[in-house]
Amino acid sequence: MRSALFLLSLLVLTLNLSAKDVPIMSFFIHANQEYDDLTWEERLPEIVVLLKDYDLIGLQDVDEEQLVDLQEALPEFAFILGESQSHSNVPILYRRSAFVLQYQKVFEPMDFAQNQQKDLAIYAGLHHLESNKNMRVVNTQFQKAPQDIQLSALRDLRKHLLVSRADVNVLLGYFPIQAHEEMYQELNDVRLPDTFHSAEMRCQNEFSTYNTFDPAAKINMRVDYCFSSGCQVRWICIEERIKYGYYLSTHAPLFIILSL
């Protein structure tokens, strides 16, 4: 499989990328489990190399051990973990040389808290130095819940972005819904479109983001998304890197090029 570095190099040539273009990744890295086909120790080096190509990253399903390892391996990135800087399974990473942090906050709708769900999302204000634009970025690992609660939480997430005064708004993460489902329409509209549809170019007409570790499983589920407004979407693709015959996670990393 072609690496993200190769694809980004190709994009520089084909799209004529500028310093105001921001490479973004959303990656459900999968918390370390004993039964995994690849151990975390086997996956970590390749994941670190992968992440180094991007300026803004939303990670999901990160456990405490993984968080420590990633922080040690990626000193050029700052990690946004919520107001108290406590552990979060949905950290936002930004390249220190590209952004200045303005604010950060854990977002947890009341209905989810009452149903003992995990932290739903983190959102942050970032100032992009090259373009001089302000961004509001939300990263989420959405939870399974009764439909009325899930719908309410989806609407709250969108509201945080639709009422934002930032120049650019970005929603990244894992949602247990697919594009053909009714609740997907709560996220995807002209005010906050799915970058899969708004991108100038994408590497495949269709792709799956949930794959399990095994490439032979051939599961077709696009459940990892990036929605954005206030910017041009130049490119969207997935990374399908394989080690020892397995993917690096149960989800394919989603990467996007936004032009600010």
Protein backbone atom coordinates (compact mmCIF):
# COMPACT_ATOMS: atom_id res chain seq x y z
CA MET A 1 0.00 0.00 0.00
CA ARG A 2 1.17 3.55 -0.70
CA SER A 3 2.17 5.54 2.35
CA ALA A 4 0.66 8.84 3.43
CA LEU A 5 4.04 10.49 2.78
CA PHE A 6 3.96 9.27 -0.82
CA LEU A 7 0.38 10.48 -1.27
CA LEU A 8 1.12 13.85 0.27
CA SER A 9 4.13 14.26 -2.03
CA LEU A 10 1.90 13.42 -4.97
CA LEU A 11 -0.67 15.96 -3.79
CA VAL A 12 1.95 18.71 -3.62
CA LEU A 13 2.56 18.15 -7.32
CA THR A 14 -1.03 17.69 -8.48
CA LEU A 15 -2.82 20.24 -6.27
CA ASN A 16 -0.02 22.80 -5.96
CA LEU A 17 -0.36 22.93 -2.16
CA SER A 18 0.54 26.13 -0.37
CA ALA A 19 1.49 27.02 3.20
CA LYS A 20 -2.19 27.83 3.83
CA ASP A 21 -3.20 24.24 3.08
CA VAL A 22 -3.63 22.19 6.25
CA PRO A 23 -3.19 18.39 6.22
CA ILE A 24 -5.63 16.89 8.74
CA MET A 25 -6.10 13.34 9.99
CA SER A 26 -8.88 11.65 11.93
CA PHE A 27 -7.80 8.26 13.28
CA PHE A 28 -9.59 5.78 15.55
CA ILE A 29 -6.38 4.09 16.69
CA HIS A 30 -8.08 1.35 18.78
CA ALA A 31 -7.28 0.98 22.47
CA ASN A 32 -4.74 -1.73 23.23
CA GLN A 33 -6.38 -5.15 23.71
CA GLU A 34 -4.81 -8.52 24.46
CA TYR A 35 -6.58 -10.23 21.57
CA ASP A 36 -5.52 -7.75 18.88
CA ASP A 37 -3.91 -9.14 15.73
CA LEU A 38 -1.11 -6.59 16.14
CA THR A 39 0.16 -5.49 19.55
CA TRP A 40 0.39 -1.81 20.41
CA GLU A 41 4.19 -2.14 20.47
CA GLU A 42 4.07 -3.42 16.88
CA ARG A 43 1.70 -0.68 15.74
CA LEU A 44 3.24 2.31 17.50
CA PRO A 45 6.28 2.99 15.24
CA GLU A 46 4.21 3.02 12.05
CA ILE A 47 1.48 5.13 13.62
CA VAL A 48 4.03 7.71 14.79
CA VAL A 49 5.52 7.95 11.29
CA LEU A 50 2.02 8.32 9.87
CA LEU A 51 1.01 11.13 12.24
CA LYS A 52 4.15 13.17 11.61
CA ASP A 53 2.88 14.07 8.11
CA TYR A 54 -0.06 16.09 9.45
CA ASP A 55 -0.55 19.48 11.12
CA LEU A 56 -3.88 18.80 12.84
CA ILE A 57 -5.03 15.40 14.13
CA GLY A 58 -8.07 14.05 15.92
CA LEU A 59 -7.47 10.68 17.58
CA GLN A 60 -10.17 8.42 19.00
CA ASP A 61 -10.18 5.40 21.36
CA VAL A 62 -6.83 6.31 22.94
CA ASP A 63 -6.03 4.62 26.26
CA GLU A 64 -3.68 6.02 28.91
CA GLU A 65 -0.67 3.93 27.91
CA GLN A 66 -1.05 4.89 24.25
CA LEU A 67 -1.42 8.56 25.15
CA VAL A 68 1.87 8.57 27.08
CA ASP A 69 3.69 6.77 24.28
CA LEU A 70 2.39 9.17 21.64
CA GLN A 71 3.26 12.25 23.68
CA GLU A 72 6.82 11.01 24.11
CA ALA A 73 7.18 10.16 20.42
CA LEU A 74 5.65 13.39 19.06
CA PRO A 75 7.24 16.37 20.87
CA GLU A 76 6.53 18.64 17.88
CA PHE A 77 2.82 18.31 18.64
CA ALA A 78 0.78 19.75 21.48
CA PHE A 79 -1.97 17.51 22.87
CA ILE A 80 -5.35 18.98 23.79
CA LEU A 81 -6.92 16.86 26.52
CA GLY A 82 -9.68 19.05 27.89
CA GLU A 83 -9.91 21.85 30.41
CA SER A 84 -8.10 20.03 33.22
CA GLN A 85 -5.50 18.37 30.95
CA SER A 86 -6.69 15.05 32.34
CA HIS A 87 -6.67 11.89 30.26
CA SER A 88 -9.07 11.85 27.37
CA ASN A 89 -9.72 9.19 24.77
CA VAL A 90 -10.26 11.85 22.08
CA PRO A 91 -7.16 14.11 22.09
CA ILE A 92 -6.63 16.80 19.49
CA LEU A 93 -3.03 17.15 18.31
CA TYR A 94 -1.71 20.26 16.59
CA ARG A 95 1.74 21.09 15.24
CA ARG A 96 3.26 23.72 17.51
CA SER A 97 4.87 25.58 14.61
CA ALA A 98 1.55 25.86 12.71
CA PHE A 99 -1.04 26.81 15.37
CA VAL A 100 -1.55 28.77 18.58
CA LEU A 101 -4.11 27.43 21.05
CA GLN A 102 -6.82 29.93 22.02
CA TYR A 103 -9.13 27.78 24.18
CA GLN A 104 -10.13 24.18 24.86
CA LYS A 105 -13.07 22.45 26.50
CA VAL A 106 -14.63 19.05 27.06
CA PHE A 107 -18.05 18.83 25.46
CA GLU A 108 -20.54 16.49 27.09
CA PRO A 109 -24.28 16.87 26.51
CA MET A 110 -26.31 16.47 29.69
CA ASP A 111 -28.28 13.52 28.37
CA PHE A 112 -25.07 11.60 27.77
CA ALA A 113 -23.73 12.39 31.23
CA GLN A 114 -26.95 11.14 32.79
CA ASN A 115 -26.60 7.87 30.89
CA GLN A 116 -22.99 7.39 32.11
CA GLN A 117 -21.42 7.75 28.68
CA LYS A 118 -17.73 8.46 28.28
CA ASP A 119 -16.51 11.94 27.35
CA LEU A 120 -18.18 12.70 24.06
CA ALA A 121 -15.89 15.28 22.52
CA ILE A 122 -13.20 17.89 22.96
CA TYR A 123 -13.34 21.18 21.13
CA ALA A 124 -10.65 23.81 20.77
CA GLY A 125 -9.99 27.21 19.26
CA LEU A 126 -6.82 27.32 17.19
CA HIS A 127 -5.19 30.23 15.37
CA HIS A 128 -3.48 29.18 12.14
CA LEU A 129 -0.33 31.25 11.88
CA GLU A 130 0.21 31.15 8.12
CA SER A 131 -3.33 32.09 7.08
CA ASN A 132 -4.07 34.24 10.18
CA LYS A 133 -7.43 32.49 10.48
CA ASN A 134 -9.18 31.14 13.55
CA MET A 135 -10.50 27.59 13.64
CA ARG A 136 -12.91 25.80 15.94
CA VAL A 137 -12.11 22.09 15.93
CA VAL A 138 -14.26 19.38 17.50
CA ASN A 139 -12.98 15.82 17.86
CA THR A 140 -15.38 13.12 18.97
CA GLN A 141 -15.73 9.42 19.60
CA PHE A 142 -19.48 9.17 19.43
CA GLN A 143 -21.27 6.70 21.64
CA LYS A 144 -24.01 4.18 21.03
CA ALA A 145 -27.11 5.35 22.85
CA PRO A 146 -30.91 5.29 22.58
CA GLN A 147 -31.89 7.06 19.36
CA ASP A 148 -33.49 10.09 21.01
CA ILE A 149 -30.39 10.73 23.14
CA GLN A 150 -28.04 10.16 20.23
CA LEU A 151 -30.04 12.53 18.02
CA SER A 152 -30.02 15.21 20.71
CA ALA A 153 -26.26 14.90 21.11
CA LEU A 154 -25.71 15.12 17.35
CA ARG A 155 -27.71 18.32 17.23
CA ASP A 156 -25.74 19.78 20.13
CA LEU A 157 -22.47 19.00 18.38
CA ARG A 158 -23.56 20.76 15.21
CA LYS A 159 -24.84 23.74 17.17
CA HIS A 160 -21.41 24.27 18.69
CA LEU A 161 -20.04 24.72 15.20
CA LEU A 162 -22.93 26.48 13.48
CA VAL A 163 -22.97 29.27 16.09
CA SER A 164 -19.19 29.55 16.08
CA ARG A 165 -17.61 32.87 15.12
CA ALA A 166 -14.45 31.16 13.90
CA ASP A 167 -13.41 31.56 10.29
CA VAL A 168 -13.21 27.79 9.83
CA ASN A 169 -15.10 25.01 11.62
CA VAL A 170 -14.09 21.34 11.60
CA LEU A 171 -15.79 18.31 13.12
CA LEU A 172 -13.71 15.13 13.20
CA GLY A 173 -14.31 11.70 14.56
CA TYR A 174 -16.05 8.37 14.77
CA PHE A 175 -19.82 8.22 14.51
CA PRO A 176 -21.66 4.86 14.68
CA ILE A 177 -23.85 5.90 11.76
CA GLN A 178 -23.53 5.53 8.00
CA ALA A 179 -24.32 7.88 5.16
CA HIS A 180 -27.56 6.12 4.23
CA GLU A 181 -29.00 6.49 7.75
CA GLU A 182 -31.41 9.25 8.75
CA MET A 183 -29.24 10.58 11.58
CA TYR A 184 -26.41 11.25 9.14
CA GLN A 185 -28.54 14.11 7.78
CA GLU A 186 -28.29 15.79 11.18
CA LEU A 187 -24.61 16.30 10.47
CA ASN A 188 -24.33 16.68 6.72
CA ASP A 189 -25.92 19.76 5.14
CA VAL A 190 -24.85 22.85 3.20
CA ARG A 191 -23.77 24.64 6.37
CA LEU A 192 -21.46 21.86 7.59
CA PRO A 193 -20.93 19.44 4.68
CA ASP A 194 -19.23 16.07 4.76
CA THR A 195 -15.78 16.55 3.21
CA PHE A 196 -16.21 13.25 1.38
CA HIS A 197 -18.71 15.05 -0.86
CA SER A 198 -17.31 18.60 -0.80
CA ALA A 199 -13.69 17.69 -1.65
CA GLU A 200 -12.28 18.69 -5.03
CA MET A 201 -10.61 15.29 -5.27
CA ARG A 202 -10.70 11.96 -3.47
CA CYS A 203 -8.57 8.89 -3.97
CA GLN A 204 -11.52 6.52 -4.44
CA ASN A 205 -15.16 6.98 -5.38
CA GLU A 206 -16.08 4.92 -2.31
CA PHE A 207 -14.08 3.68 0.66
CA SER A 208 -14.63 2.00 4.01
CA THR A 209 -13.14 3.35 7.23
CA TYR A 210 -14.09 0.45 9.49
CA ASN A 211 -12.13 -2.57 8.33
CA THR A 212 -11.04 -4.63 11.39
CA PHE A 213 -7.34 -5.48 11.49
CA ASP A 214 -7.76 -8.07 8.75
CA PRO A 215 -7.74 -6.73 5.14
CA ALA A 216 -9.52 -9.91 4.02
CA ALA A 217 -12.60 -9.04 6.09
CA LYS A 218 -13.80 -6.61 3.38
CA ILE A 219 -16.26 -4.74 5.60
CA ASN A 220 -17.89 -1.75 3.91
CA MET A 221 -18.66 0.84 6.60
CA ARG A 222 -17.76 4.52 6.37
CA VAL A 223 -18.18 5.61 9.99
CA ASP A 224 -15.22 8.01 10.39
CA TYR A 225 -15.94 11.53 9.17
CA CYS A 226 -14.71 15.07 8.74
CA PHE A 227 -17.25 17.87 8.31
CA SER A 228 -16.07 21.42 7.64
CA SER A 229 -17.18 24.94 6.78
CA GLY A 230 -15.45 28.19 5.90
CA CYS A 231 -12.70 26.57 3.85
CA GLN A 232 -11.99 24.79 0.59
CA VAL A 233 -11.61 21.00 0.79
CA ARG A 234 -8.92 19.99 -1.65
CA TRP A 235 -8.52 16.27 -0.97
CA ILE A 236 -9.83 13.33 1.03
CA CYS A 237 -8.55 9.77 1.26
CA ILE A 238 -7.84 6.90 3.64
CA GLU A 239 -4.52 5.36 4.62
CA GLU A 240 -4.33 1.59 4.23
CA ARG A 241 -0.89 0.78 5.59
CA ILE A 242 -0.32 -2.90 6.39
CA LYS A 243 2.17 -4.56 8.76
CA TYR A 244 2.63 -8.33 9.06
CA GLY A 245 -0.50 -8.75 6.95
CA TYR A 246 -2.74 -6.55 9.13
CA TYR A 247 -3.95 -2.95 9.19
CA LEU A 248 -2.58 -0.66 11.92
CA SER A 249 -6.02 -0.34 13.52
CA THR A 250 -9.59 -1.56 13.25
CA HIS A 251 -10.33 1.74 11.47
CA ALA A 252 -8.54 3.27 8.49
CA PRO A 253 -7.08 6.74 9.13
CA LEU A 254 -8.99 9.43 7.27
CA PHE A 255 -6.95 12.30 5.88
CA ILE A 256 -8.04 15.58 4.39
CA ILE A 257 -6.39 18.66 2.92
CA LEU A 258 -8.15 21.92 3.83
CA SER A 259 -7.23 25.21 2.17
CA LEU A 260 -7.55 28.17 4.53
